[in-house]
Amino acid sequence: MRTQGLHTQQEVLGVLEAAETPLTAYDILGTLKVGKPKLAPPTIYRALAALVEQGRAHRIESKNAFIACRGHAHDETAILTICDDCGSVDEKIDKDLIHRLGHVASDDGFRPRHHVIEVHGSCADCAEESK
């Protein structure tokens, strides 16, 4: 059973890696169901949860969608820049910013568990096109 779950995770990650824009769980399900008609949403959600926990994928909270991790620092919080025009997503790591954010949040005793940092705007290509 565990092997099957790892296989599904690899398949989901493959779909995410091939995508140019974020995908919802149902987008992924639709892609994978072609070869596996009995595949169900809970299986996809479990695979996505495991991939996010492993740092191999990111959940884009504002879009309820996912992307494959494209960075190398899987144990760090990513700052996701999301183009509202073309849908592209880039990830950046700024350890100092994350550290400062943690301190700001914990000044009054709050204990942050994780950070979600999403910045919406226009990517360089879309910004250039709109000139």
C-alpha atoms as a PDB file:
ATOM      1  CA  MET A   1       0.000   0.000   0.000  1.00  0.00           C
ATOM      2  CA  ARG A   2       2.834   2.400   0.890  1.00  0.00           C
ATOM      3  CA  THR A   3       4.504   1.732  -2.474  1.00  0.00           C
ATOM      4  CA  GLN A   4       1.272   2.653  -4.236  1.00  0.00           C
ATOM      5  CA  GLY A   5       1.144   5.958  -2.327  1.00  0.00           C
ATOM      6  CA  LEU A   6       4.736   6.769  -3.286  1.00  0.00           C
ATOM      7  CA  HIS A   7       3.948   5.937  -6.894  1.00  0.00           C
ATOM      8  CA  THR A   8       0.936   8.260  -6.838  1.00  0.00           C
ATOM      9  CA  GLN A   9       3.071  11.019  -5.295  1.00  0.00           C
ATOM     10  CA  GLN A  10       5.581  10.627  -8.138  1.00  0.00           C
ATOM     11  CA  GLU A  11       2.790  10.787 -10.715  1.00  0.00           C
ATOM     12  CA  VAL A  12       1.281  13.911  -9.109  1.00  0.00           C
ATOM     13  CA  LEU A  13       4.716  15.532  -8.909  1.00  0.00           C
ATOM     14  CA  GLY A  14       5.299  14.704 -12.576  1.00  0.00           C
ATOM     15  CA  VAL A  15       2.061  16.457 -13.542  1.00  0.00           C
ATOM     16  CA  LEU A  16       3.014  19.497 -11.451  1.00  0.00           C
ATOM     17  CA  GLU A  17       6.516  19.627 -12.942  1.00  0.00           C
ATOM     18  CA  ALA A  18       5.112  19.528 -16.469  1.00  0.00           C
ATOM     19  CA  ALA A  19       2.647  22.357 -15.808  1.00  0.00           C
ATOM     20  CA  GLU A  20       3.494  25.956 -16.612  1.00  0.00           C
ATOM     21  CA  THR A  21       0.944  27.357 -14.172  1.00  0.00           C
ATOM     22  CA  PRO A  22      -0.492  26.231 -10.824  1.00  0.00           C
ATOM     23  CA  LEU A  23      -2.911  23.303 -10.871  1.00  0.00           C
ATOM     24  CA  THR A  24      -5.817  22.437  -8.609  1.00  0.00           C
ATOM     25  CA  ALA A  25      -6.219  18.934  -7.245  1.00  0.00           C
ATOM     26  CA  TYR A  26      -9.033  18.414  -9.745  1.00  0.00           C
ATOM     27  CA  ASP A  27      -6.797  19.530 -12.643  1.00  0.00           C
ATOM     28  CA  ILE A  28      -4.285  16.893 -11.555  1.00  0.00           C
ATOM     29  CA  LEU A  29      -7.025  14.295 -11.122  1.00  0.00           C
ATOM     30  CA  GLY A  30      -8.294  15.001 -14.637  1.00  0.00           C
ATOM     31  CA  THR A  31      -4.841  14.472 -16.094  1.00  0.00           C
ATOM     32  CA  LEU A  32      -4.142  11.258 -14.201  1.00  0.00           C
ATOM     33  CA  LYS A  33      -7.645   9.792 -14.599  1.00  0.00           C
ATOM     34  CA  VAL A  34      -7.024   9.229 -18.293  1.00  0.00           C
ATOM     35  CA  GLY A  35      -4.837   6.238 -17.429  1.00  0.00           C
ATOM     36  CA  LYS A  36      -6.423   5.461 -14.051  1.00  0.00           C
ATOM     37  CA  PRO A  37     -10.200   5.882 -14.263  1.00  0.00           C
ATOM     38  CA  LYS A  38     -10.773   4.713 -10.666  1.00  0.00           C
ATOM     39  CA  LEU A  39      -8.519   7.388  -9.176  1.00  0.00           C
ATOM     40  CA  ALA A  40     -10.418   9.518  -6.625  1.00  0.00           C
ATOM     41  CA  PRO A  41      -9.919  13.035  -5.193  1.00  0.00           C
ATOM     42  CA  PRO A  42      -8.822  11.854  -1.700  1.00  0.00           C
ATOM     43  CA  THR A  43      -5.870  10.023  -3.262  1.00  0.00           C
ATOM     44  CA  ILE A  44      -4.738  13.207  -5.013  1.00  0.00           C
ATOM     45  CA  TYR A  45      -5.193  15.294  -1.866  1.00  0.00           C
ATOM     46  CA  ARG A  46      -3.145  12.786   0.176  1.00  0.00           C
ATOM     47  CA  ALA A  47      -0.359  12.833  -2.407  1.00  0.00           C
ATOM     48  CA  LEU A  48      -0.363  16.640  -2.503  1.00  0.00           C
ATOM     49  CA  ALA A  49      -0.287  16.878   1.301  1.00  0.00           C
ATOM     50  CA  ALA A  50       2.707  14.535   1.403  1.00  0.00           C
ATOM     51  CA  LEU A  51       4.524  16.452  -1.348  1.00  0.00           C
ATOM     52  CA  VAL A  52       3.947  19.770   0.431  1.00  0.00           C
ATOM     53  CA  GLU A  53       5.131  18.288   3.728  1.00  0.00           C
ATOM     54  CA  GLN A  54       8.269  16.958   2.011  1.00  0.00           C
ATOM     55  CA  GLY A  55       8.964  20.376   0.477  1.00  0.00           C
ATOM     56  CA  ARG A  56       8.580  19.011  -3.050  1.00  0.00           C
ATOM     57  CA  ALA A  57       5.484  21.081  -3.844  1.00  0.00           C
ATOM     58  CA  HIS A  58       3.947  24.366  -2.724  1.00  0.00           C
ATOM     59  CA  ARG A  59       0.311  25.100  -2.039  1.00  0.00           C
ATOM     60  CA  ILE A  60      -0.753  28.486  -3.350  1.00  0.00           C
ATOM     61  CA  GLU A  61      -3.291  29.455  -0.719  1.00  0.00           C
ATOM     62  CA  SER A  62      -4.870  32.323  -2.664  1.00  0.00           C
ATOM     63  CA  LYS A  63      -5.628  30.080  -5.639  1.00  0.00           C
ATOM     64  CA  ASN A  64      -6.158  26.759  -3.819  1.00  0.00           C
ATOM     65  CA  ALA A  65      -3.665  25.330  -6.292  1.00  0.00           C
ATOM     66  CA  PHE A  66      -0.249  23.698  -6.301  1.00  0.00           C
ATOM     67  CA  ILE A  67       3.116  23.959  -8.038  1.00  0.00           C
ATOM     68  CA  ALA A  68       6.195  21.769  -7.953  1.00  0.00           C
ATOM     69  CA  CYS A  69       9.024  23.155  -5.871  1.00  0.00           C
ATOM     70  CA  ARG A  70      11.553  24.644  -8.257  1.00  0.00           C
ATOM     71  CA  GLY A  71      14.087  25.710  -5.667  1.00  0.00           C
ATOM     72  CA  HIS A  72      16.813  23.768  -3.984  1.00  0.00           C
ATOM     73  CA  ALA A  73      16.228  24.828  -0.358  1.00  0.00           C
ATOM     74  CA  HIS A  74      13.293  22.524   0.375  1.00  0.00           C
ATOM     75  CA  ASP A  75      13.457  23.166   4.102  1.00  0.00           C
ATOM     76  CA  GLU A  76      12.960  26.929   3.784  1.00  0.00           C
ATOM     77  CA  THR A  77       9.761  28.926   3.400  1.00  0.00           C
ATOM     78  CA  ALA A  78       9.379  30.121  -0.177  1.00  0.00           C
ATOM     79  CA  ILE A  79       8.190  33.562  -1.150  1.00  0.00           C
ATOM     80  CA  LEU A  80       5.891  32.958  -4.107  1.00  0.00           C
ATOM     81  CA  THR A  81       5.512  35.679  -6.734  1.00  0.00           C
ATOM     82  CA  ILE A  82       2.326  35.112  -8.715  1.00  0.00           C
ATOM     83  CA  CYS A  83       1.577  36.849 -12.002  1.00  0.00           C
ATOM     84  CA  ASP A  84      -2.102  37.769 -12.105  1.00  0.00           C
ATOM     85  CA  ASP A  85      -1.916  38.138 -15.897  1.00  0.00           C
ATOM     86  CA  CYS A  86      -0.343  34.890 -17.158  1.00  0.00           C
ATOM     87  CA  GLY A  87      -0.516  32.789 -13.981  1.00  0.00           C
ATOM     88  CA  SER A  88       3.204  32.071 -13.760  1.00  0.00           C
ATOM     89  CA  VAL A  89       4.667  31.495 -10.320  1.00  0.00           C
ATOM     90  CA  ASP A  90       8.242  31.932  -9.196  1.00  0.00           C
ATOM     91  CA  GLU A  91       9.715  31.068  -5.839  1.00  0.00           C
ATOM     92  CA  LYS A  92      12.389  32.902  -3.951  1.00  0.00           C
ATOM     93  CA  ILE A  93      14.098  32.274  -0.620  1.00  0.00           C
ATOM     94  CA  ASP A  94      15.017  35.073   1.779  1.00  0.00           C
ATOM     95  CA  LYS A  95      16.046  33.585   5.107  1.00  0.00           C
ATOM     96  CA  ASP A  96      16.474  37.025   6.695  1.00  0.00           C
ATOM     97  CA  LEU A  97      12.933  38.089   5.774  1.00  0.00           C
ATOM     98  CA  ILE A  98      11.464  34.854   7.118  1.00  0.00           C
ATOM     99  CA  HIS A  99      13.474  35.224  10.315  1.00  0.00           C
ATOM    100  CA  ARG A 100      12.288  38.828  10.784  1.00  0.00           C
ATOM    101  CA  LEU A 101       8.695  37.863  10.045  1.00  0.00           C
ATOM    102  CA  GLY A 102       8.880  35.152  12.687  1.00  0.00           C
ATOM    103  CA  HIS A 103      10.132  37.685  15.223  1.00  0.00           C
ATOM    104  CA  VAL A 104       7.418  40.212  14.358  1.00  0.00           C
ATOM    105  CA  ALA A 105       4.728  37.543  14.742  1.00  0.00           C
ATOM    106  CA  SER A 106       6.123  36.233  18.021  1.00  0.00           C
ATOM    107  CA  ASP A 107       6.693  39.612  19.720  1.00  0.00           C
ATOM    108  CA  ASP A 108       3.404  39.267  21.596  1.00  0.00           C
ATOM    109  CA  GLY A 109       3.838  35.567  22.374  1.00  0.00           C
ATOM    110  CA  PHE A 110       2.271  34.243  19.178  1.00  0.00           C
ATOM    111  CA  ARG A 111       3.920  30.993  18.023  1.00  0.00           C
ATOM    112  CA  PRO A 112       4.051  30.749  14.232  1.00  0.00           C
ATOM    113  CA  ARG A 113       4.013  27.212  12.804  1.00  0.00           C
ATOM    114  CA  HIS A 114       4.569  28.058   9.171  1.00  0.00           C
ATOM    115  CA  HIS A 115       4.592  31.050   6.863  1.00  0.00           C
ATOM    116  CA  VAL A 116       2.706  31.564   3.636  1.00  0.00           C
ATOM    117  CA  ILE A 117       4.056  34.455   1.632  1.00  0.00           C
ATOM    118  CA  GLU A 118       2.418  35.220  -1.699  1.00  0.00           C
ATOM    119  CA  VAL A 119       3.022  38.374  -3.686  1.00  0.00           C
ATOM    120  CA  HIS A 120       0.606  39.072  -6.545  1.00  0.00           C
ATOM    121  CA  GLY A 121       1.418  41.343  -9.469  1.00  0.00           C
ATOM    122  CA  SER A 122       2.795  41.160 -13.016  1.00  0.00           C
ATOM    123  CA  CYS A 123       5.827  39.181 -14.092  1.00  0.00           C
ATOM    124  CA  ALA A 124       8.519  40.933 -16.134  1.00  0.00           C
ATOM    125  CA  ASP A 125       7.156  39.595 -19.451  1.00  0.00           C
ATOM    126  CA  CYS A 126       3.567  40.702 -18.744  1.00  0.00           C
ATOM    127  CA  ALA A 127       4.692  44.067 -17.378  1.00  0.00           C
ATOM    128  CA  GLU A 128       6.704  44.630 -20.574  1.00  0.00           C
ATOM    129  CA  GLU A 129       3.711  43.694 -22.750  1.00  0.00           C
ATOM    130  CA  SER A 130       1.467  46.194 -20.984  1.00  0.00           C
ATOM    131  CA  LYS A 131       3.805  49.142 -21.700  1.00  0.00           C
END
